Amino acid sequence: MNRNNQIVPTDLTEFSVADTIEETLSFYHITQAEFARRNRISEKHLSQVLHRKAFISLTVALSIEEVTGIPAYMLPANDTRYRLAHTNKPMPSDKANDSDFLKQYDWAMLKGRIFETFYETQRLCHIG
């Protein structure tokens, strides 16, 4: 967190809910046990989240928002970016006998640009 109590990631694909929770616990001197209790999750599950062995549910994201004020929409978004960056991308060679496997539709590139523009606009609206 910076001096204005805002998390400023330098690389969003390396930033997950684990980082948000760790920084919050450290900054406010909260124990894992207390955080788990207030959010009605087990300490074991919290530990798994902090070690990126498990990820939070949307219900837990809403609980964390209630307890800490951290926006619930931000938490699963961070985990999704992190998980996508650390997932092996499927390759055409994975199904060499299927010529349609991963064959892109003609309209897919255009749609991709439209969706990127839409979601970038949405992201900027949430930041500002």
N, C-alpha and C. Protein backbone atom coordinates (compact mmCIF):
# COMPACT_ATOMS: atom_id res chain seq x y z
N MET A 1 0.84 -1.18 0.00
CA MET A 1 0.00 0.00 0.00
C MET A 1 0.89 1.24 0.00
N ASN A 2 0.39 2.28 -0.65
CA ASN A 2 1.14 3.52 -0.62
C ASN A 2 0.66 4.38 0.54
N ARG A 3 1.16 5.61 0.62
CA ARG A 3 0.82 6.46 1.77
C ARG A 3 -0.67 6.82 1.83
N ASN A 4 -1.36 6.70 0.73
CA ASN A 4 -2.80 7.00 0.71
C ASN A 4 -3.65 5.75 0.92
N ASN A 5 -3.02 4.70 1.47
CA ASN A 5 -3.70 3.42 1.72
C ASN A 5 -4.27 2.81 0.46
N GLN A 6 -3.59 3.00 -0.66
CA GLN A 6 -4.02 2.40 -1.91
C GLN A 6 -2.95 1.44 -2.38
N ILE A 7 -3.39 0.27 -2.84
CA ILE A 7 -2.47 -0.73 -3.35
C ILE A 7 -2.08 -0.33 -4.76
N VAL A 8 -0.77 -0.30 -5.02
CA VAL A 8 -0.29 0.11 -6.33
C VAL A 8 0.55 -1.01 -6.91
N PRO A 9 -0.06 -1.93 -7.65
CA PRO A 9 0.71 -3.03 -8.23
C PRO A 9 1.51 -2.55 -9.43
N THR A 10 2.68 -3.14 -9.62
CA THR A 10 3.49 -2.79 -10.78
C THR A 10 3.23 -3.75 -11.93
N ASP A 11 2.81 -4.96 -11.63
CA ASP A 11 2.49 -5.94 -12.66
C ASP A 11 1.26 -6.70 -12.20
N LEU A 12 0.12 -6.37 -12.78
CA LEU A 12 -1.14 -6.94 -12.31
C LEU A 12 -1.21 -8.45 -12.43
N THR A 13 -0.45 -9.05 -13.33
CA THR A 13 -0.51 -10.51 -13.45
C THR A 13 0.22 -11.20 -12.32
N GLU A 14 1.01 -10.47 -11.55
CA GLU A 14 1.72 -11.05 -10.42
C GLU A 14 1.03 -10.71 -9.10
N PHE A 15 -0.11 -10.09 -9.18
CA PHE A 15 -0.80 -9.57 -8.01
C PHE A 15 -2.11 -10.32 -7.83
N SER A 16 -2.29 -11.01 -6.71
CA SER A 16 -3.52 -11.76 -6.47
C SER A 16 -4.14 -11.32 -5.15
N VAL A 17 -5.25 -11.93 -4.82
CA VAL A 17 -5.92 -11.64 -3.54
C VAL A 17 -4.96 -11.89 -2.37
N ALA A 18 -4.09 -12.87 -2.53
CA ALA A 18 -3.12 -13.16 -1.47
C ALA A 18 -2.32 -11.92 -1.12
N ASP A 19 -1.89 -11.18 -2.12
CA ASP A 19 -1.11 -9.97 -1.88
C ASP A 19 -1.95 -8.90 -1.18
N THR A 20 -3.18 -8.75 -1.63
CA THR A 20 -4.08 -7.76 -1.03
C THR A 20 -4.30 -8.07 0.45
N ILE A 21 -4.57 -9.33 0.75
CA ILE A 21 -4.81 -9.72 2.14
C ILE A 21 -3.53 -9.57 2.97
N GLU A 22 -2.40 -10.04 2.45
CA GLU A 22 -1.13 -9.93 3.19
C GLU A 22 -0.80 -8.48 3.51
N GLU A 23 -0.96 -7.60 2.52
CA GLU A 23 -0.66 -6.19 2.76
C GLU A 23 -1.61 -5.58 3.78
N THR A 24 -2.88 -5.96 3.70
CA THR A 24 -3.87 -5.45 4.65
C THR A 24 -3.55 -5.92 6.07
N LEU A 25 -3.26 -7.21 6.21
CA LEU A 25 -2.92 -7.75 7.54
C LEU A 25 -1.69 -7.06 8.10
N SER A 26 -0.69 -6.89 7.27
CA SER A 26 0.56 -6.26 7.73
C SER A 26 0.35 -4.79 8.09
N PHE A 27 -0.30 -4.06 7.22
CA PHE A 27 -0.48 -2.62 7.42
C PHE A 27 -1.29 -2.31 8.68
N TYR A 28 -2.34 -3.11 8.92
CA TYR A 28 -3.23 -2.86 10.05
C TYR A 28 -2.94 -3.76 11.26
N HIS A 29 -1.88 -4.54 11.18
CA HIS A 29 -1.46 -5.42 12.29
C HIS A 29 -2.60 -6.36 12.71
N ILE A 30 -3.16 -7.04 11.73
CA ILE A 30 -4.25 -7.99 11.95
C ILE A 30 -3.68 -9.40 11.85
N THR A 31 -4.05 -10.26 12.76
CA THR A 31 -3.59 -11.65 12.69
C THR A 31 -4.42 -12.42 11.67
N GLN A 32 -3.85 -13.48 11.15
CA GLN A 32 -4.59 -14.34 10.23
C GLN A 32 -5.81 -14.93 10.92
N ALA A 33 -5.65 -15.29 12.18
CA ALA A 33 -6.76 -15.89 12.93
C ALA A 33 -7.94 -14.92 13.05
N GLU A 34 -7.65 -13.65 13.36
CA GLU A 34 -8.71 -12.66 13.49
C GLU A 34 -9.37 -12.40 12.13
N PHE A 35 -8.56 -12.27 11.09
CA PHE A 35 -9.10 -12.03 9.76
C PHE A 35 -10.01 -13.18 9.32
N ALA A 36 -9.55 -14.39 9.54
CA ALA A 36 -10.35 -15.57 9.18
C ALA A 36 -11.67 -15.59 9.95
N ARG A 37 -11.59 -15.30 11.24
CA ARG A 37 -12.80 -15.31 12.08
C ARG A 37 -13.80 -14.27 11.61
N ARG A 38 -13.34 -13.06 11.34
CA ARG A 38 -14.25 -11.99 10.93
C ARG A 38 -14.89 -12.27 9.57
N ASN A 39 -14.21 -13.03 8.74
CA ASN A 39 -14.74 -13.34 7.41
C ASN A 39 -15.38 -14.72 7.34
N ARG A 40 -15.47 -15.40 8.48
CA ARG A 40 -16.08 -16.72 8.60
C ARG A 40 -15.50 -17.73 7.62
N ILE A 41 -14.16 -17.74 7.57
CA ILE A 41 -13.45 -18.77 6.81
C ILE A 41 -12.47 -19.43 7.76
N SER A 42 -12.07 -20.63 7.45
CA SER A 42 -11.12 -21.32 8.32
C SER A 42 -9.72 -20.74 8.15
N GLU A 43 -8.93 -20.85 9.19
CA GLU A 43 -7.54 -20.41 9.09
C GLU A 43 -6.80 -21.23 8.04
N LYS A 44 -7.17 -22.49 7.91
CA LYS A 44 -6.54 -23.35 6.91
C LYS A 44 -6.83 -22.82 5.50
N HIS A 45 -8.08 -22.45 5.24
CA HIS A 45 -8.43 -21.92 3.92
C HIS A 45 -7.70 -20.60 3.68
N LEU A 46 -7.66 -19.74 4.68
CA LEU A 46 -6.94 -18.47 4.54
C LEU A 46 -5.47 -18.73 4.21
N SER A 47 -4.87 -19.68 4.90
CA SER A 47 -3.47 -20.02 4.62
C SER A 47 -3.30 -20.50 3.18
N GLN A 48 -4.24 -21.31 2.71
CA GLN A 48 -4.17 -21.80 1.33
C GLN A 48 -4.29 -20.64 0.33
N VAL A 49 -5.15 -19.68 0.64
CA VAL A 49 -5.30 -18.50 -0.22
C VAL A 49 -4.00 -17.70 -0.22
N LEU A 50 -3.43 -17.51 0.96
CA LEU A 50 -2.20 -16.72 1.07
C LEU A 50 -1.02 -17.38 0.35
N HIS A 51 -1.08 -18.70 0.22
CA HIS A 51 -0.02 -19.44 -0.49
C HIS A 51 -0.42 -19.77 -1.94
N ARG A 52 -1.53 -19.18 -2.39
CA ARG A 52 -2.05 -19.35 -3.75
C ARG A 52 -2.35 -20.82 -4.10
N LYS A 53 -2.74 -21.58 -3.10
CA LYS A 53 -3.15 -22.97 -3.30
C LYS A 53 -4.66 -23.05 -3.47
N ALA A 54 -5.36 -21.99 -3.06
CA ALA A 54 -6.81 -21.89 -3.19
C ALA A 54 -7.14 -20.43 -3.49
N PHE A 55 -8.33 -20.19 -3.99
CA PHE A 55 -8.76 -18.84 -4.31
C PHE A 55 -10.10 -18.59 -3.64
N ILE A 56 -10.43 -17.34 -3.39
CA ILE A 56 -11.64 -17.02 -2.65
C ILE A 56 -12.88 -17.11 -3.54
N SER A 57 -14.00 -17.36 -2.91
CA SER A 57 -15.29 -17.37 -3.60
C SER A 57 -15.81 -15.94 -3.66
N LEU A 58 -16.84 -15.74 -4.44
CA LEU A 58 -17.46 -14.42 -4.52
C LEU A 58 -18.09 -14.03 -3.17
N THR A 59 -18.61 -15.03 -2.46
CA THR A 59 -19.19 -14.77 -1.13
C THR A 59 -18.12 -14.26 -0.18
N VAL A 60 -16.95 -14.89 -0.20
CA VAL A 60 -15.85 -14.43 0.65
C VAL A 60 -15.39 -13.04 0.22
N ALA A 61 -15.37 -12.77 -1.08
CA ALA A 61 -15.01 -11.43 -1.56
C ALA A 61 -15.95 -10.38 -0.98
N LEU A 62 -17.25 -10.71 -0.94
CA LEU A 62 -18.23 -9.78 -0.35
C LEU A 62 -18.00 -9.61 1.15
N SER A 63 -17.62 -10.69 1.84
CA SER A 63 -17.32 -10.61 3.27
C SER A 63 -16.11 -9.72 3.51
N ILE A 64 -15.07 -9.91 2.68
CA ILE A 64 -13.86 -9.10 2.84
C ILE A 64 -14.18 -7.63 2.60
N GLU A 65 -15.04 -7.35 1.62
CA GLU A 65 -15.45 -5.96 1.37
C GLU A 65 -16.14 -5.38 2.60
N GLU A 66 -17.04 -6.15 3.20
CA GLU A 66 -17.77 -5.68 4.38
C GLU A 66 -16.82 -5.40 5.54
N VAL A 67 -15.85 -6.28 5.73
CA VAL A 67 -14.94 -6.19 6.88
C VAL A 67 -13.84 -5.14 6.68
N THR A 68 -13.35 -5.01 5.43
CA THR A 68 -12.18 -4.15 5.20
C THR A 68 -12.46 -2.91 4.35
N GLY A 69 -13.54 -2.93 3.59
CA GLY A 69 -13.81 -1.83 2.67
C GLY A 69 -13.13 -2.02 1.31
N ILE A 70 -12.37 -3.07 1.13
CA ILE A 70 -11.74 -3.35 -0.16
C ILE A 70 -12.85 -3.78 -1.12
N PRO A 71 -12.97 -3.14 -2.28
CA PRO A 71 -14.08 -3.48 -3.20
C PRO A 71 -14.08 -4.95 -3.60
N ALA A 72 -15.24 -5.58 -3.45
CA ALA A 72 -15.37 -7.01 -3.76
C ALA A 72 -15.06 -7.31 -5.21
N TYR A 73 -15.42 -6.41 -6.13
CA TYR A 73 -15.18 -6.69 -7.56
C TYR A 73 -13.69 -6.79 -7.87
N MET A 74 -12.86 -6.12 -7.08
CA MET A 74 -11.42 -6.11 -7.33
C MET A 74 -10.78 -7.46 -7.01
N LEU A 75 -11.27 -8.13 -6.01
CA LEU A 75 -10.62 -9.35 -5.52
C LEU A 75 -10.65 -10.49 -6.52
N PRO A 76 -11.82 -10.91 -7.02
CA PRO A 76 -11.81 -11.99 -8.02
C PRO A 76 -11.13 -11.56 -9.32
N ALA A 77 -11.20 -10.27 -9.65
CA ALA A 77 -10.53 -9.80 -10.87
C ALA A 77 -9.02 -9.98 -10.75
N ASN A 78 -8.47 -9.66 -9.58
CA ASN A 78 -7.03 -9.86 -9.36
C ASN A 78 -6.67 -11.33 -9.46
N ASP A 79 -7.48 -12.18 -8.84
CA ASP A 79 -7.19 -13.62 -8.89
C ASP A 79 -7.30 -14.16 -10.31
N THR A 80 -8.28 -13.68 -11.06
CA THR A 80 -8.44 -14.15 -12.44
C THR A 80 -7.24 -13.76 -13.28
N ARG A 81 -6.77 -12.53 -13.17
CA ARG A 81 -5.57 -12.11 -13.92
C ARG A 81 -4.38 -12.95 -13.53
N TYR A 82 -4.21 -13.18 -12.22
CA TYR A 82 -3.09 -13.98 -11.74
C TYR A 82 -3.17 -15.40 -12.28
N ARG A 83 -4.34 -16.00 -12.17
CA ARG A 83 -4.51 -17.40 -12.61
C ARG A 83 -4.31 -17.54 -14.12
N LEU A 84 -4.82 -16.59 -14.90
CA LEU A 84 -4.63 -16.65 -16.35
C LEU A 84 -3.15 -16.54 -16.72
N ALA A 85 -2.43 -15.69 -16.01
CA ALA A 85 -1.00 -15.51 -16.30
C ALA A 85 -0.19 -16.74 -15.93
N HIS A 86 -0.71 -17.57 -15.02
CA HIS A 86 0.03 -18.74 -14.55
C HIS A 86 -0.60 -20.06 -14.99
N THR A 87 -1.39 -20.00 -16.04
CA THR A 87 -2.00 -21.20 -16.61
C THR A 87 -1.37 -21.48 -17.96
N ASN A 88 -1.08 -22.74 -18.21
CA ASN A 88 -0.52 -23.11 -19.51
C ASN A 88 -1.56 -22.88 -20.60
N LYS A 89 -1.16 -22.15 -21.62
CA LYS A 89 -2.04 -21.87 -22.73
C LYS A 89 -2.16 -23.11 -23.61
N PRO A 90 -3.39 -23.46 -24.02
CA PRO A 90 -3.53 -24.62 -24.91
C PRO A 90 -2.84 -24.34 -26.25
N MET A 91 -2.27 -25.37 -26.80
CA MET A 91 -1.54 -25.25 -28.06
C MET A 91 -2.19 -26.16 -29.10
N PRO A 92 -2.15 -25.76 -30.39
CA PRO A 92 -2.72 -26.62 -31.44
C PRO A 92 -2.14 -28.04 -31.41
N SER A 93 -0.91 -28.19 -31.00
CA SER A 93 -0.30 -29.52 -30.95
C SER A 93 -0.90 -30.41 -29.87
N ASP A 94 -1.66 -29.81 -28.93
CA ASP A 94 -2.31 -30.60 -27.89
C ASP A 94 -3.33 -31.59 -28.48
N LYS A 95 -3.91 -31.23 -29.60
CA LYS A 95 -4.90 -32.09 -30.28
C LYS A 95 -4.55 -32.13 -31.76
N ALA A 96 -3.39 -32.63 -32.07
CA ALA A 96 -2.88 -32.63 -33.45
C ALA A 96 -3.83 -33.31 -34.43
N ASN A 97 -4.62 -34.25 -33.97
CA ASN A 97 -5.53 -34.97 -34.87
C ASN A 97 -6.86 -34.23 -35.09
N ASP A 98 -7.03 -33.07 -34.50
CA ASP A 98 -8.26 -32.30 -34.66
C ASP A 98 -7.91 -30.94 -35.28
N SER A 99 -8.17 -30.80 -36.57
CA SER A 99 -7.78 -29.58 -37.29
C SER A 99 -8.58 -28.36 -36.85
N ASP A 100 -9.72 -28.56 -36.20
CA ASP A 100 -10.51 -27.42 -35.73
C ASP A 100 -10.14 -26.97 -34.32
N PHE A 101 -9.33 -27.74 -33.63
CA PHE A 101 -8.94 -27.37 -32.27
C PHE A 101 -8.17 -26.06 -32.30
N LEU A 102 -8.67 -25.06 -31.61
CA LEU A 102 -8.11 -23.73 -31.50
C LEU A 102 -8.10 -22.95 -32.81
N LYS A 103 -8.84 -23.41 -33.79
CA LYS A 103 -8.95 -22.65 -35.04
C LYS A 103 -9.86 -21.46 -34.78
N GLN A 104 -9.33 -20.27 -34.98
CA GLN A 104 -10.06 -19.06 -34.64
C GLN A 104 -11.15 -18.78 -35.67
N TYR A 105 -12.31 -18.31 -35.19
CA TYR A 105 -13.38 -17.88 -36.07
C TYR A 105 -12.93 -16.62 -36.80
N ASP A 106 -13.46 -16.39 -37.99
CA ASP A 106 -13.09 -15.23 -38.79
C ASP A 106 -13.36 -13.92 -38.04
N TRP A 107 -14.44 -13.88 -37.30
CA TRP A 107 -14.84 -12.66 -36.62
C TRP A 107 -14.18 -12.47 -35.25
N ALA A 108 -13.41 -13.43 -34.80
CA ALA A 108 -12.88 -13.40 -33.42
C ALA A 108 -11.94 -12.23 -33.16
N MET A 109 -11.11 -11.88 -34.09
CA MET A 109 -10.17 -10.76 -33.87
C MET A 109 -10.93 -9.45 -33.69
N LEU A 110 -11.93 -9.22 -34.51
CA LEU A 110 -12.73 -8.01 -34.40
C LEU A 110 -13.45 -7.98 -33.06
N LYS A 111 -14.08 -9.09 -32.69
CA LYS A 111 -14.78 -9.16 -31.41
C LYS A 111 -13.82 -8.92 -30.25
N GLY A 112 -12.63 -9.49 -30.32
CA GLY A 112 -11.64 -9.31 -29.27
C GLY A 112 -11.32 -7.84 -29.04
N ARG A 113 -11.18 -7.10 -30.11
CA ARG A 113 -10.88 -5.66 -29.98
C ARG A 113 -12.06 -4.91 -29.37
N ILE A 114 -13.27 -5.29 -29.77
CA ILE A 114 -14.46 -4.64 -29.21
C ILE A 114 -14.54 -4.91 -27.71
N PHE A 115 -14.35 -6.16 -27.30
CA PHE A 115 -14.41 -6.50 -25.88
C PHE A 115 -13.30 -5.80 -25.10
N GLU A 116 -12.09 -5.77 -25.63
CA GLU A 116 -10.97 -5.09 -24.95
C GLU A 116 -11.30 -3.63 -24.73
N THR A 117 -11.84 -2.95 -25.75
CA THR A 117 -12.20 -1.55 -25.63
C THR A 117 -13.27 -1.36 -24.57
N PHE A 118 -14.29 -2.23 -24.57
CA PHE A 118 -15.37 -2.15 -23.61
C PHE A 118 -14.84 -2.32 -22.19
N TYR A 119 -14.03 -3.37 -21.97
CA TYR A 119 -13.55 -3.64 -20.62
C TYR A 119 -12.53 -2.61 -20.16
N GLU A 120 -11.75 -2.07 -21.06
CA GLU A 120 -10.80 -1.01 -20.68
C GLU A 120 -11.59 0.22 -20.25
N THR A 121 -12.66 0.53 -20.95
CA THR A 121 -13.52 1.66 -20.58
C THR A 121 -14.12 1.42 -19.19
N GLN A 122 -14.60 0.20 -18.94
CA GLN A 122 -15.17 -0.13 -17.65
C GLN A 122 -14.13 0.00 -16.54
N ARG A 123 -12.91 -0.50 -16.79
CA ARG A 123 -11.83 -0.43 -15.81
C ARG A 123 -11.50 1.02 -15.47
N LEU A 124 -11.42 1.86 -16.48
CA LEU A 124 -11.10 3.27 -16.24
C LEU A 124 -12.19 3.96 -15.46
N CYS A 125 -13.44 3.57 -15.67
CA CYS A 125 -14.55 4.14 -14.91
C CYS A 125 -14.45 3.78 -13.42
N HIS A 126 -13.99 2.57 -13.11
CA HIS A 126 -13.85 2.14 -11.72
C HIS A 126 -12.67 2.81 -11.04
N ILE A 127 -11.64 3.12 -11.80
CA ILE A 127 -10.43 3.74 -11.21
C ILE A 127 -10.68 5.19 -10.87
N GLY A 128 -11.28 5.90 -11.81
CA GLY A 128 -11.46 7.34 -11.64
C GLY A 128 -12.59 7.63 -10.76
